[in-house]
PDB file of N, CA and C in Angstrom:
ATOM      1  N   MET A   1       7.573 -12.446 -11.982  1.00  0.00           N
ATOM      2  CA  MET A   1       7.963 -11.299 -12.309  1.00  0.00           C
ATOM      3  C   MET A   1       8.794 -10.503 -12.690  1.00  0.00           C
ATOM      4  N   LYS A   2       8.742  -9.752 -13.493  1.00  0.00           N
ATOM      5  CA  LYS A   2       9.489  -9.110 -14.619  1.00  0.00           C
ATOM      6  C   LYS A   2      10.135  -7.870 -13.943  1.00  0.00           C
ATOM      7  N   THR A   3      11.411  -7.698 -14.035  1.00  0.00           N
ATOM      8  CA  THR A   3      12.020  -6.718 -13.432  1.00  0.00           C
ATOM      9  C   THR A   3      12.552  -5.706 -14.583  1.00  0.00           C
ATOM     10  N   VAL A   4      12.549  -4.693 -14.679  1.00  0.00           N
ATOM     11  CA  VAL A   4      12.919  -3.541 -15.818  1.00  0.00           C
ATOM     12  C   VAL A   4      13.726  -2.387 -15.697  1.00  0.00           C
ATOM     13  N   ARG A   5      14.693  -2.267 -16.237  1.00  0.00           N
ATOM     14  CA  ARG A   5      15.137  -0.640 -15.779  1.00  0.00           C
ATOM     15  C   ARG A   5      14.486   0.494 -16.310  1.00  0.00           C
ATOM     16  N   PHE A   6      14.721   1.670 -15.287  1.00  0.00           N
ATOM     17  CA  PHE A   6      13.733   2.456 -15.492  1.00  0.00           C
ATOM     18  C   PHE A   6      13.664   3.119 -17.015  1.00  0.00           C
ATOM     19  N   THR A   7      14.778   3.351 -17.341  1.00  0.00           N
ATOM     20  CA  THR A   7      14.576   4.062 -19.100  1.00  0.00           C
ATOM     21  C   THR A   7      13.904   2.792 -19.778  1.00  0.00           C
ATOM     22  N   GLN A   8      13.454   1.612 -19.721  1.00  0.00           N
ATOM     23  CA  GLN A   8      13.048   0.977 -20.336  1.00  0.00           C
ATOM     24  C   GLN A   8      11.636   1.532 -20.207  1.00  0.00           C
ATOM     25  N   ALA A   9      11.060   0.896 -18.829  1.00  0.00           N
ATOM     26  CA  ALA A   9      10.013   1.641 -18.601  1.00  0.00           C
ATOM     27  C   ALA A   9       9.255   2.647 -18.756  1.00  0.00           C
ATOM     28  N   ARG A  10      10.026   3.533 -18.953  1.00  0.00           N
ATOM     29  CA  ARG A  10       9.476   5.049 -19.433  1.00  0.00           C
ATOM     30  C   ARG A  10       9.368   4.858 -21.224  1.00  0.00           C
ATOM     31  N   SER A  11      10.112   4.043 -21.544  1.00  0.00           N
ATOM     32  CA  SER A  11      10.032   3.955 -23.263  1.00  0.00           C
ATOM     33  C   SER A  11       9.121   2.988 -23.656  1.00  0.00           C
ATOM     34  N   GLY A  12       8.468   1.963 -22.598  1.00  0.00           N
ATOM     35  CA  GLY A  12       7.511   1.012 -23.145  1.00  0.00           C
ATOM     36  C   GLY A  12       6.574   0.888 -22.125  1.00  0.00           C
ATOM     37  N   LEU A  13       6.069   2.201 -21.621  1.00  0.00           N
ATOM     38  CA  LEU A  13       5.072   2.056 -20.425  1.00  0.00           C
ATOM     39  C   LEU A  13       4.009   1.838 -21.484  1.00  0.00           C
ATOM     40  N   SER A  14       3.448   1.941 -22.345  1.00  0.00           N
ATOM     41  CA  SER A  14       2.182   1.586 -22.785  1.00  0.00           C
ATOM     42  C   SER A  14       1.877   0.059 -22.694  1.00  0.00           C
ATOM     43  N   ASP A  15       3.012  -0.579 -23.243  1.00  0.00           N
ATOM     44  CA  ASP A  15       3.404  -2.131 -23.481  1.00  0.00           C
ATOM     45  C   ASP A  15       2.857  -2.402 -22.132  1.00  0.00           C
ATOM     46  N   LEU A  16       4.150  -1.815 -21.080  1.00  0.00           N
ATOM     47  CA  LEU A  16       4.260  -2.381 -19.722  1.00  0.00           C
ATOM     48  C   LEU A  16       2.607  -2.647 -19.149  1.00  0.00           C
ATOM     49  N   PHE A  17       1.995  -1.284 -19.227  1.00  0.00           N
ATOM     50  CA  PHE A  17       0.815  -1.190 -18.881  1.00  0.00           C
ATOM     51  C   PHE A  17      -0.428  -2.443 -19.125  1.00  0.00           C
ATOM     52  N   THR A  18      -0.344  -2.291 -20.116  1.00  0.00           N
ATOM     53  CA  THR A  18      -1.332  -3.060 -20.952  1.00  0.00           C
ATOM     54  C   THR A  18      -1.020  -4.610 -20.503  1.00  0.00           C
ATOM     55  N   ARG A  19       0.200  -5.212 -20.516  1.00  0.00           N
ATOM     56  CA  ARG A  19       0.640  -6.476 -19.779  1.00  0.00           C
ATOM     57  C   ARG A  19      -0.028  -6.604 -18.448  1.00  0.00           C
ATOM     58  N   VAL A  20       0.596  -5.783 -17.748  1.00  0.00           N
ATOM     59  CA  VAL A  20      -0.728  -5.727 -16.176  1.00  0.00           C
ATOM     60  C   VAL A  20      -1.949  -5.674 -16.245  1.00  0.00           C
ATOM     61  N   ILE A  21      -2.428  -4.765 -17.060  1.00  0.00           N
ATOM     62  CA  ILE A  21      -3.879  -4.904 -17.252  1.00  0.00           C
ATOM     63  C   ILE A  21      -4.365  -5.978 -17.860  1.00  0.00           C
ATOM     64  N   THR A  22      -4.029  -6.645 -18.665  1.00  0.00           N
ATOM     65  CA  THR A  22      -4.466  -8.031 -19.311  1.00  0.00           C
ATOM     66  C   THR A  22      -4.145  -8.850 -18.828  1.00  0.00           C
ATOM     67  N   LYS A  23      -3.087  -9.612 -18.660  1.00  0.00           N
ATOM     68  CA  LYS A  23      -2.110 -10.506 -18.073  1.00  0.00           C
ATOM     69  C   LYS A  23      -2.334 -10.542 -16.534  1.00  0.00           C
ATOM     70  N   GLY A  24      -2.535  -9.361 -16.051  1.00  0.00           N
ATOM     71  CA  GLY A  24      -2.037  -9.600 -14.109  1.00  0.00           C
ATOM     72  C   GLY A  24      -0.374  -9.775 -13.799  1.00  0.00           C
ATOM     73  N   GLU A  25       0.326  -9.463 -14.900  1.00  0.00           N
ATOM     74  CA  GLU A  25       1.670  -9.315 -14.727  1.00  0.00           C
ATOM     75  C   GLU A  25       1.743  -8.145 -13.736  1.00  0.00           C
ATOM     76  N   ARG A  26       2.961  -8.705 -12.865  1.00  0.00           N
ATOM     77  CA  ARG A  26       3.672  -7.141 -12.079  1.00  0.00           C
ATOM     78  C   ARG A  26       5.078  -7.283 -12.769  1.00  0.00           C
ATOM     79  N   VAL A  27       5.653  -6.101 -12.664  1.00  0.00           N
ATOM     80  CA  VAL A  27       6.573  -5.274 -13.113  1.00  0.00           C
ATOM     81  C   VAL A  27       7.292  -4.368 -12.001  1.00  0.00           C
ATOM     82  N   VAL A  28       8.498  -4.886 -11.742  1.00  0.00           N
ATOM     83  CA  VAL A  28       9.505  -4.087 -10.992  1.00  0.00           C
ATOM     84  C   VAL A  28      10.369  -2.950 -11.709  1.00  0.00           C
ATOM     85  N   ILE A  29      10.309  -2.147 -10.984  1.00  0.00           N
ATOM     86  CA  ILE A  29      11.087  -0.863 -12.049  1.00  0.00           C
ATOM     87  C   ILE A  29      12.589  -0.876 -11.091  1.00  0.00           C
ATOM     88  N   GLU A  30      13.799  -0.773 -11.694  1.00  0.00           N
ATOM     89  CA  GLU A  30      14.508  -0.444 -10.822  1.00  0.00           C
ATOM     90  C   GLU A  30      15.488   0.901 -11.368  1.00  0.00           C
ATOM     91  N   ARG A  31      16.126   1.113 -10.859  1.00  0.00           N
ATOM     92  CA  ARG A  31      17.105   2.436 -10.820  1.00  0.00           C
ATOM     93  C   ARG A  31      17.924   2.364 -10.487  1.00  0.00           C
ATOM     94  N   HIS A  32      19.110   2.836 -10.907  1.00  0.00           N
ATOM     95  CA  HIS A  32      20.573   2.794 -10.514  1.00  0.00           C
ATOM     96  C   HIS A  32      20.820   1.649 -10.008  1.00  0.00           C
ATOM     97  N   GLY A  33      20.309  -0.041 -10.499  1.00  0.00           N
ATOM     98  CA  GLY A  33      20.253  -1.067  -9.879  1.00  0.00           C
ATOM     99  C   GLY A  33      19.931  -1.200  -8.361  1.00  0.00           C
ATOM    100  N   HIS A  34      18.858  -0.626  -8.373  1.00  0.00           N
ATOM    101  CA  HIS A  34      18.201  -0.648  -7.340  1.00  0.00           C
ATOM    102  C   HIS A  34      16.299  -1.119  -7.475  1.00  0.00           C
ATOM    103  N   GLU A  35      15.533  -1.744  -6.827  1.00  0.00           N
ATOM    104  CA  GLU A  35      14.090  -1.788  -7.162  1.00  0.00           C
ATOM    105  C   GLU A  35      13.654  -0.730  -6.121  1.00  0.00           C
ATOM    106  N   ARG A  36      12.826   0.151  -7.561  1.00  0.00           N
ATOM    107  CA  ARG A  36      12.302   1.218  -6.689  1.00  0.00           C
ATOM    108  C   ARG A  36      11.045   1.200  -6.833  1.00  0.00           C
ATOM    109  N   ALA A  37      10.089   0.946  -7.961  1.00  0.00           N
ATOM    110  CA  ALA A  37       8.843   1.192  -7.907  1.00  0.00           C
ATOM    111  C   ALA A  37       8.030  -0.481  -8.336  1.00  0.00           C
ATOM    112  N   ALA A  38       6.997  -0.536  -8.787  1.00  0.00           N
ATOM    113  CA  ALA A  38       6.201  -1.912  -9.124  1.00  0.00           C
ATOM    114  C   ALA A  38       4.940  -1.097  -9.858  1.00  0.00           C
ATOM    115  N   LEU A  39       4.836  -1.993 -10.882  1.00  0.00           N
ATOM    116  CA  LEU A  39       3.465  -1.665 -11.740  1.00  0.00           C
ATOM    117  C   LEU A  39       2.965  -3.043 -11.571  1.00  0.00           C
ATOM    118  N   VAL A  40       1.515  -2.857 -10.937  1.00  0.00           N
ATOM    119  CA  VAL A  40       1.058  -4.347 -10.342  1.00  0.00           C
ATOM    120  C   VAL A  40      -0.853  -4.157 -10.634  1.00  0.00           C
ATOM    121  N   PRO A  41      -1.308  -4.704 -10.681  1.00  0.00           N
ATOM    122  CA  PRO A  41      -2.727  -4.764 -10.963  1.00  0.00           C
ATOM    123  C   PRO A  41      -3.408  -4.225  -9.909  1.00  0.00           C
ATOM    124  N   ILE A  42      -4.748  -3.778 -10.215  1.00  0.00           N
ATOM    125  CA  ILE A  42      -5.590  -2.898  -8.853  1.00  0.00           C
ATOM    126  C   ILE A  42      -5.911  -3.833  -7.711  1.00  0.00           C
ATOM    127  N   ASP A  43      -6.415  -4.884  -8.604  1.00  0.00           N
ATOM    128  CA  ASP A  43      -6.740  -6.186  -7.487  1.00  0.00           C
ATOM    129  C   ASP A  43      -5.526  -6.196  -6.602  1.00  0.00           C
ATOM    130  N   ASP A  44      -4.652  -6.199  -6.726  1.00  0.00           N
ATOM    131  CA  ASP A  44      -3.255  -6.637  -5.788  1.00  0.00           C
ATOM    132  C   ASP A  44      -3.597  -5.476  -4.796  1.00  0.00           C
ATOM    133  N   VAL A  45      -3.257  -4.225  -5.111  1.00  0.00           N
ATOM    134  CA  VAL A  45      -3.413  -2.873  -4.207  1.00  0.00           C
ATOM    135  C   VAL A  45      -4.432  -3.204  -3.150  1.00  0.00           C
ATOM    136  N   GLN A  46      -5.740  -3.354  -4.180  1.00  0.00           N
ATOM    137  CA  GLN A  46      -6.623  -3.439  -3.050  1.00  0.00           C
ATOM    138  C   GLN A  46      -7.061  -4.544  -2.113  1.00  0.00           C
ATOM    139  N   ALA A  47      -6.275  -5.617  -2.474  1.00  0.00           N
ATOM    140  CA  ALA A  47      -5.783  -6.693  -1.670  1.00  0.00           C
ATOM    141  C   ALA A  47      -4.788  -6.430  -0.575  1.00  0.00           C
ATOM    142  N   LEU A  48      -3.800  -5.849  -0.672  1.00  0.00           N
ATOM    143  CA  LEU A  48      -2.996  -5.158   0.336  1.00  0.00           C
ATOM    144  C   LEU A  48      -3.428  -4.280   1.155  1.00  0.00           C
ATOM    145  N   GLN A  49      -4.577  -3.210   0.735  1.00  0.00           N
ATOM    146  CA  GLN A  49      -5.240  -2.313   1.717  1.00  0.00           C
ATOM    147  C   GLN A  49      -6.264  -3.271   2.364  1.00  0.00           C
ATOM    148  N   ARG A  50      -6.850  -4.139   2.200  1.00  0.00           N
ATOM    149  CA  ARG A  50      -7.735  -4.796   3.037  1.00  0.00           C
ATOM    150  C   ARG A  50      -7.066  -5.369   3.757  1.00  0.00           C
ATOM    151  N   LEU A  51      -5.668  -6.231   3.870  1.00  0.00           N
ATOM    152  CA  LEU A  51      -4.887  -6.736   4.579  1.00  0.00           C
ATOM    153  C   LEU A  51      -4.549  -5.912   5.665  1.00  0.00           C
ATOM    154  N   GLU A  52      -4.198  -4.646   4.998  1.00  0.00           N
ATOM    155  CA  GLU A  52      -3.506  -3.359   6.577  1.00  0.00           C
ATOM    156  C   GLU A  52      -4.675  -3.065   6.900  1.00  0.00           C
ATOM    157  N   ASP A  53      -5.957  -2.956   6.353  1.00  0.00           N
ATOM    158  CA  ASP A  53      -6.805  -2.456   6.942  1.00  0.00           C
ATOM    159  C   ASP A  53      -7.151  -3.423   8.271  1.00  0.00           C
ATOM    160  N   ARG A  54      -7.319  -4.586   8.120  1.00  0.00           N
ATOM    161  CA  ARG A  54      -7.651  -5.820   8.954  1.00  0.00           C
ATOM    162  C   ARG A  54      -6.814  -5.973  10.052  1.00  0.00           C
ATOM    163  N   LEU A  55      -5.176  -5.686   9.565  1.00  0.00           N
ATOM    164  CA  LEU A  55      -4.500  -5.369  10.628  1.00  0.00           C
ATOM    165  C   LEU A  55      -4.180  -4.457  11.504  1.00  0.00           C
ATOM    166  N   ASP A  56      -4.561  -2.949  11.218  1.00  0.00           N
ATOM    167  CA  ASP A  56      -4.647  -2.216  11.986  1.00  0.00           C
ATOM    168  C   ASP A  56      -6.241  -1.998  12.868  1.00  0.00           C
ATOM    169  N   VAL A  57      -7.059  -2.672  12.350  1.00  0.00           N
ATOM    170  CA  VAL A  57      -8.427  -3.161  13.313  1.00  0.00           C
ATOM    171  C   VAL A  57      -7.686  -3.897  14.871  1.00  0.00           C
ATOM    172  N   ALA A  58      -7.065  -5.040  13.833  1.00  0.00           N
ATOM    173  CA  ALA A  58      -6.355  -5.831  15.061  1.00  0.00           C
ATOM    174  C   ALA A  58      -5.669  -5.364  16.190  1.00  0.00           C
ATOM    175  N   GLU A  59      -4.728  -4.383  15.604  1.00  0.00           N
ATOM    176  CA  GLU A  59      -4.042  -3.831  17.001  1.00  0.00           C
ATOM    177  C   GLU A  59      -4.690  -2.621  17.303  1.00  0.00           C
ATOM    178  N   ALA A  60      -5.648  -1.971  16.874  1.00  0.00           N
ATOM    179  CA  ALA A  60      -6.243  -1.392  17.739  1.00  0.00           C
ATOM    180  C   ALA A  60      -7.411  -1.794  18.653  1.00  0.00           C
ATOM    181  N   GLU A  61      -7.624  -3.241  18.256  1.00  0.00           N
ATOM    182  CA  GLU A  61      -8.804  -3.944  19.195  1.00  0.00           C
ATOM    183  C   GLU A  61      -7.640  -4.102  20.312  1.00  0.00           C
ATOM    184  N   LYS A  62      -6.625  -4.648  20.341  1.00  0.00           N
ATOM    185  CA  LYS A  62      -5.237  -5.300  21.104  1.00  0.00           C
ATOM    186  C   LYS A  62      -5.314  -3.820  22.025  1.00  0.00           C
ATOM    187  N   ALA A  63      -5.055  -2.932  21.698  1.00  0.00           N
ATOM    188  CA  ALA A  63      -4.361  -1.581  22.557  1.00  0.00           C
ATOM    189  C   ALA A  63      -5.306  -1.446  23.133  1.00  0.00           C
ATOM    190  N   LEU A  64      -7.061  -1.592  22.833  1.00  0.00           N
ATOM    191  CA  LEU A  64      -7.860  -1.263  23.734  1.00  0.00           C
ATOM    192  C   LEU A  64      -8.431  -2.260  24.471  1.00  0.00           C
ATOM    193  N   ALA A  65      -7.915  -3.481  24.351  1.00  0.00           N
ATOM    194  CA  ALA A  65      -7.950  -4.439  25.418  1.00  0.00           C
ATOM    195  C   ALA A  65      -6.760  -4.209  26.583  1.00  0.00           C
ATOM    196  N   GLU A  66      -6.124  -3.908  26.006  1.00  0.00           N
ATOM    197  CA  GLU A  66      -4.881  -3.594  27.359  1.00  0.00           C
ATOM    198  C   GLU A  66      -4.855  -2.258  27.660  1.00  0.00           C
ATOM    199  N   SER A  67      -5.917  -2.079  27.632  1.00  0.00           N
ATOM    200  CA  SER A  67      -6.184  -0.384  28.083  1.00  0.00           C
ATOM    201  C   SER A  67      -7.081  -0.220  29.076  1.00  0.00           C
ATOM    202  N   ASP A  68      -6.494   0.323  30.495  1.00  0.00           N
ATOM    203  CA  ASP A  68      -8.025   0.531  31.360  1.00  0.00           C
ATOM    204  C   ASP A  68      -8.562   1.997  31.303  1.00  0.00           C
ATOM    205  N   GLU A  69      -7.531   2.589  30.796  1.00  0.00           N
ATOM    206  CA  GLU A  69      -7.936   4.067  30.860  1.00  0.00           C
ATOM    207  C   GLU A  69      -9.003   4.399  29.452  1.00  0.00           C
ATOM    208  N   ARG A  70      -9.794   5.195  29.619  1.00  0.00           N
ATOM    209  CA  ARG A  70     -10.813   5.362  29.044  1.00  0.00           C
ATOM    210  C   ARG A  70     -10.797   7.428  28.927  1.00  0.00           C
ATOM    211  N   VAL A  71     -10.723   7.753  27.639  1.00  0.00           N
ATOM    212  CA  VAL A  71     -10.723   9.194  27.934  1.00  0.00           C
ATOM    213  C   VAL A  71     -11.883   9.701  27.062  1.00  0.00           C
ATOM    214  N   PRO A  72     -12.882  10.310  27.319  1.00  0.00           N
ATOM    215  CA  PRO A  72     -13.941  11.202  27.191  1.00  0.00           C
ATOM    216  C   PRO A  72     -13.816  12.052  25.636  1.00  0.00           C
ATOM    217  N   TRP A  73     -14.577  11.696  24.540  1.00  0.00           N
ATOM    218  CA  TRP A  73     -14.299  11.702  23.359  1.00  0.00           C
ATOM    219  C   TRP A  73     -14.352  13.438  23.321  1.00  0.00           C
ATOM    220  N   GLU A  74     -15.004  14.568  24.091  1.00  0.00           N
ATOM    221  CA  GLU A  74     -14.569  15.414  24.496  1.00  0.00           C
ATOM    222  C   GLU A  74     -13.761  15.859  24.590  1.00  0.00           C
ATOM    223  N   GLN A  75     -12.686  15.368  25.905  1.00  0.00           N
ATOM    224  CA  GLN A  75     -11.079  15.436  25.792  1.00  0.00           C
ATOM    225  C   GLN A  75     -10.233  15.268  24.468  1.00  0.00           C
ATOM    226  N   VAL A  76     -10.671  14.413  23.750  1.00  0.00           N
ATOM    227  CA  VAL A  76      -9.720  13.978  22.761  1.00  0.00           C
ATOM    228  C   VAL A  76      -9.889  14.847  21.817  1.00  0.00           C
ATOM    229  N   LYS A  77     -11.234  15.648  21.439  1.00  0.00           N
ATOM    230  CA  LYS A  77     -11.433  16.512  20.418  1.00  0.00           C
ATOM    231  C   LYS A  77     -10.381  17.631  20.998  1.00  0.00           C
ATOM    232  N   GLU A  78     -10.947  18.239  22.369  1.00  0.00           N
ATOM    233  CA  GLU A  78     -10.200  19.412  22.815  1.00  0.00           C
ATOM    234  C   GLU A  78      -8.339  19.055  22.727  1.00  0.00           C
ATOM    235  N   ASP A  79      -7.765  18.197  23.017  1.00  0.00           N
ATOM    236  CA  ASP A  79      -6.520  17.805  23.186  1.00  0.00           C
ATOM    237  C   ASP A  79      -5.988  18.119  21.492  1.00  0.00           C
ATOM    238  N   LEU A  80      -6.575  17.773  20.364  1.00  0.00           N
ATOM    239  CA  LEU A  80      -6.338  17.596  19.143  1.00  0.00           C
ATOM    240  C   LEU A  80      -7.178  18.937  18.427  1.00  0.00           C
ATOM    241  N   GLY A  81      -7.448  19.836  19.192  1.00  0.00           N
ATOM    242  CA  GLY A  81      -7.801  21.528  18.983  1.00  0.00           C
ATOM    243  C   GLY A  81      -8.850  20.760  17.623  1.00  0.00           C
ATOM    244  N   LEU A  82     -10.094  20.163  18.076  1.00  0.00           N
ATOM    245  CA  LEU A  82     -11.002  20.121  16.929  1.00  0.00           C
ATOM    246  C   LEU A  82     -12.108  20.809  17.710  1.00  0.00           C
TER     247      LEU A  82
END
């Protein structure tokens, strides 16, 4: 994974963007000596989103399994002001 300073990223964004798209490279951008952002292929972002979604579903299923209390949908809507 390549790391570049913010000023380098700004001036060379087109080149970095092309490298990310065509070669699948990941580029970390640092500012003031700290890693602040990254350019990554969209496939990486989508894979991360799918993983987060699976983790969210697993947490929700666990919470439902641990709870004996059921709240009617009408009550939920009222509580949320819907």
